[in-house]
C-alpha atoms as a PDB file:
ATOM      1  CA  MET A   1      -0.100   0.022   0.079  1.00  0.00           C
ATOM      2  CA  ALA A   2       1.100   3.532  -0.497  1.00  0.00           C
ATOM      3  CA  GLU A   3       2.208   5.672   2.306  1.00  0.00           C
ATOM      4  CA  THR A   4       1.138   9.240   3.092  1.00  0.00           C
ATOM      5  CA  LYS A   5       3.317  12.032   4.523  1.00  0.00           C
ATOM      6  CA  ASP A   6       2.477  10.857   8.053  1.00  0.00           C
ATOM      7  CA  ASN A   7       3.555   7.312   7.189  1.00  0.00           C
ATOM      8  CA  SER A   8       0.180   5.928   7.739  1.00  0.00           C
ATOM      9  CA  LEU A   9      -1.163   3.398   5.160  1.00  0.00           C
ATOM     10  CA  HIS A  10      -4.230   4.162   3.036  1.00  0.00           C
ATOM     11  CA  TRP A  11      -6.244   2.234   0.465  1.00  0.00           C
ATOM     12  CA  THR A  12      -5.969   2.346  -3.213  1.00  0.00           C
ATOM     13  CA  PHE A  13      -8.744   2.202  -5.847  1.00  0.00           C
ATOM     14  CA  LEU A  14      -7.244  -1.063  -7.539  1.00  0.00           C
ATOM     15  CA  THR A  15      -6.629  -4.494  -5.971  1.00  0.00           C
ATOM     16  CA  ASN A  16      -3.424  -6.336  -5.876  1.00  0.00           C
ATOM     17  CA  HIS A  17      -4.874  -8.688  -8.649  1.00  0.00           C
ATOM     18  CA  ALA A  18      -5.358  -5.457 -10.964  1.00  0.00           C
ATOM     19  CA  HIS A  19      -1.783  -4.213 -10.155  1.00  0.00           C
ATOM     20  CA  VAL A  20      -0.242  -7.624 -10.966  1.00  0.00           C
ATOM     21  CA  PHE A  21      -2.424  -7.860 -14.184  1.00  0.00           C
ATOM     22  CA  LEU A  22      -1.407  -4.515 -15.283  1.00  0.00           C
ATOM     23  CA  CYS A  23       2.311  -5.105 -14.710  1.00  0.00           C
ATOM     24  CA  ILE A  24       2.016  -8.227 -16.919  1.00  0.00           C
ATOM     25  CA  ALA A  25       0.055  -6.380 -19.585  1.00  0.00           C
ATOM     26  CA  ARG A  26       2.836  -3.766 -19.613  1.00  0.00           C
ATOM     27  CA  ASN A  27       5.606  -6.215 -19.616  1.00  0.00           C
ATOM     28  CA  PRO A  28       4.851  -9.812 -20.265  1.00  0.00           C
ATOM     29  CA  ASP A  29       8.340 -11.217 -19.620  1.00  0.00           C
ATOM     30  CA  LEU A  30       8.686  -9.496 -16.119  1.00  0.00           C
ATOM     31  CA  ARG A  31       9.845 -12.069 -13.419  1.00  0.00           C
ATOM     32  CA  LEU A  32       7.456 -12.837 -10.438  1.00  0.00           C
ATOM     33  CA  ARG A  33      10.186 -11.163  -8.028  1.00  0.00           C
ATOM     34  CA  ASP A  34      10.015  -7.950 -10.240  1.00  0.00           C
ATOM     35  CA  ILE A  35       6.253  -7.803 -10.210  1.00  0.00           C
ATOM     36  CA  ALA A  36       6.178  -8.233  -6.458  1.00  0.00           C
ATOM     37  CA  GLY A  37       8.616  -5.426  -6.020  1.00  0.00           C
ATOM     38  CA  ILE A  38       6.732  -3.110  -8.243  1.00  0.00           C
ATOM     39  CA  VAL A  39       3.251  -3.836  -6.578  1.00  0.00           C
ATOM     40  CA  GLY A  40       4.731  -4.087  -2.994  1.00  0.00           C
ATOM     41  CA  ILE A  41       3.706  -7.537  -2.073  1.00  0.00           C
ATOM     42  CA  THR A  42       5.682 -10.745  -1.504  1.00  0.00           C
ATOM     43  CA  GLU A  43       6.746 -13.060  -4.377  1.00  0.00           C
ATOM     44  CA  ARG A  44       4.509 -15.871  -2.878  1.00  0.00           C
ATOM     45  CA  ALA A  45       1.384 -13.413  -2.967  1.00  0.00           C
ATOM     46  CA  THR A  46       2.410 -12.652  -6.548  1.00  0.00           C
ATOM     47  CA  HIS A  47       2.564 -16.190  -7.499  1.00  0.00           C
ATOM     48  CA  ARG A  48      -0.874 -16.841  -6.010  1.00  0.00           C
ATOM     49  CA  ILE A  49      -2.470 -13.858  -7.949  1.00  0.00           C
ATOM     50  CA  VAL A  50      -0.829 -14.939 -11.211  1.00  0.00           C
ATOM     51  CA  SER A  51      -2.167 -18.415 -10.631  1.00  0.00           C
ATOM     52  CA  ASP A  52      -5.620 -16.956 -10.049  1.00  0.00           C
ATOM     53  CA  LEU A  53      -5.381 -14.945 -13.272  1.00  0.00           C
ATOM     54  CA  ILE A  54      -4.266 -18.052 -15.289  1.00  0.00           C
ATOM     55  CA  ASP A  55      -7.055 -20.094 -13.752  1.00  0.00           C
ATOM     56  CA  ALA A  56      -9.565 -17.464 -14.653  1.00  0.00           C
ATOM     57  CA  GLY A  57      -8.423 -17.405 -18.199  1.00  0.00           C
ATOM     58  CA  PHE A  58      -7.117 -13.628 -18.077  1.00  0.00           C
ATOM     59  CA  VAL A  59      -3.651 -14.648 -18.471  1.00  0.00           C
ATOM     60  CA  ASP A  60      -1.697 -17.654 -20.185  1.00  0.00           C
ATOM     61  CA  VAL A  61       1.919 -18.484 -19.513  1.00  0.00           C
ATOM     62  CA  ARG A  62       4.515 -20.127 -21.703  1.00  0.00           C
ATOM     63  CA  ARG A  63       7.989 -21.135 -20.991  1.00  0.00           C
ATOM     64  CA  GLU A  64      10.891 -19.537 -22.971  1.00  0.00           C
ATOM     65  CA  GLY A  65      14.131 -21.079 -22.021  1.00  0.00           C
ATOM     66  CA  ARG A  66      14.400 -20.431 -18.278  1.00  0.00           C
ATOM     67  CA  CYS A  67      11.836 -17.711 -18.267  1.00  0.00           C
ATOM     68  CA  ASN A  68       8.039 -17.397 -18.126  1.00  0.00           C
ATOM     69  CA  VAL A  69       6.340 -15.121 -20.767  1.00  0.00           C
ATOM     70  CA  TYR A  70       2.811 -14.188 -20.086  1.00  0.00           C
ATOM     71  CA  LEU A  71      -0.081 -13.592 -22.490  1.00  0.00           C
ATOM     72  CA  VAL A  72      -2.973 -11.402 -21.570  1.00  0.00           C
ATOM     73  CA  HIS A  73      -6.405 -11.957 -22.991  1.00  0.00           C
ATOM     74  CA  PRO A  74      -7.712  -8.330 -23.530  1.00  0.00           C
ATOM     75  CA  GLU A  75     -11.021  -9.660 -24.838  1.00  0.00           C
ATOM     76  CA  LYS A  76     -12.044 -11.089 -21.441  1.00  0.00           C
ATOM     77  CA  GLN A  77     -15.047  -9.390 -19.680  1.00  0.00           C
ATOM     78  CA  LEU A  78     -14.223  -7.847 -16.308  1.00  0.00           C
ATOM     79  CA  ARG A  79     -15.755 -10.024 -13.481  1.00  0.00           C
ATOM     80  CA  HIS A  80     -17.718  -7.667 -11.139  1.00  0.00           C
ATOM     81  CA  PRO A  81     -21.284  -6.911 -12.077  1.00  0.00           C
ATOM     82  CA  ILE A  82     -20.584  -3.227 -11.917  1.00  0.00           C
ATOM     83  CA  GLU A  83     -17.843  -3.352 -14.814  1.00  0.00           C
ATOM     84  CA  ALA A  84     -18.875  -6.572 -16.478  1.00  0.00           C
ATOM     85  CA  HIS A  85     -20.002  -4.789 -19.577  1.00  0.00           C
ATOM     86  CA  ARG A  86     -16.285  -3.688 -20.151  1.00  0.00           C
ATOM     87  CA  GLN A  87     -13.337  -5.878 -21.307  1.00  0.00           C
ATOM     88  CA  VAL A  88      -9.867  -6.073 -19.816  1.00  0.00           C
ATOM     89  CA  SER A  89      -8.612  -3.994 -22.685  1.00  0.00           C
ATOM     90  CA  ASP A  90     -10.610  -1.116 -21.398  1.00  0.00           C
ATOM     91  CA  LEU A  91      -8.826  -1.305 -18.078  1.00  0.00           C
ATOM     92  CA  ILE A  92      -5.534  -1.598 -19.786  1.00  0.00           C
ATOM     93  CA  ARG A  93      -6.190   1.509 -21.903  1.00  0.00           C
ATOM     94  CA  LEU A  94      -7.480   3.359 -18.956  1.00  0.00           C
ATOM     95  CA  ILE A  95      -4.342   2.938 -16.927  1.00  0.00           C
ATOM     96  CA  GLN A  96      -1.706   2.601 -19.320  1.00  0.00           C
ATOM     97  CA  LYS A  97       0.647   5.598 -19.824  1.00  0.00           C
ATOM     98  CA  SER A  98       0.198   7.496 -23.161  1.00  0.00           C
END
């Protein structure tokens, strides 16, 4: 979580699942260790989230040498009823730097 000037923790609008997903969408060959560092969670939590994303069909993984490369499925619908009318690509476009 992000810290404020008084060092107290506060909430963010996106979940860790969204943060991990957006890291993968931006750079599909990032290592889990790197994603964990960017998001600010443990490598174990990152592995669990990536497994969730793979199990739900939002991401595929393939092995290239000693590394994993991830493939995002931008056509997938978002899961919550409030945003279910949107695709993953809409979220990526919204967050991605221009």
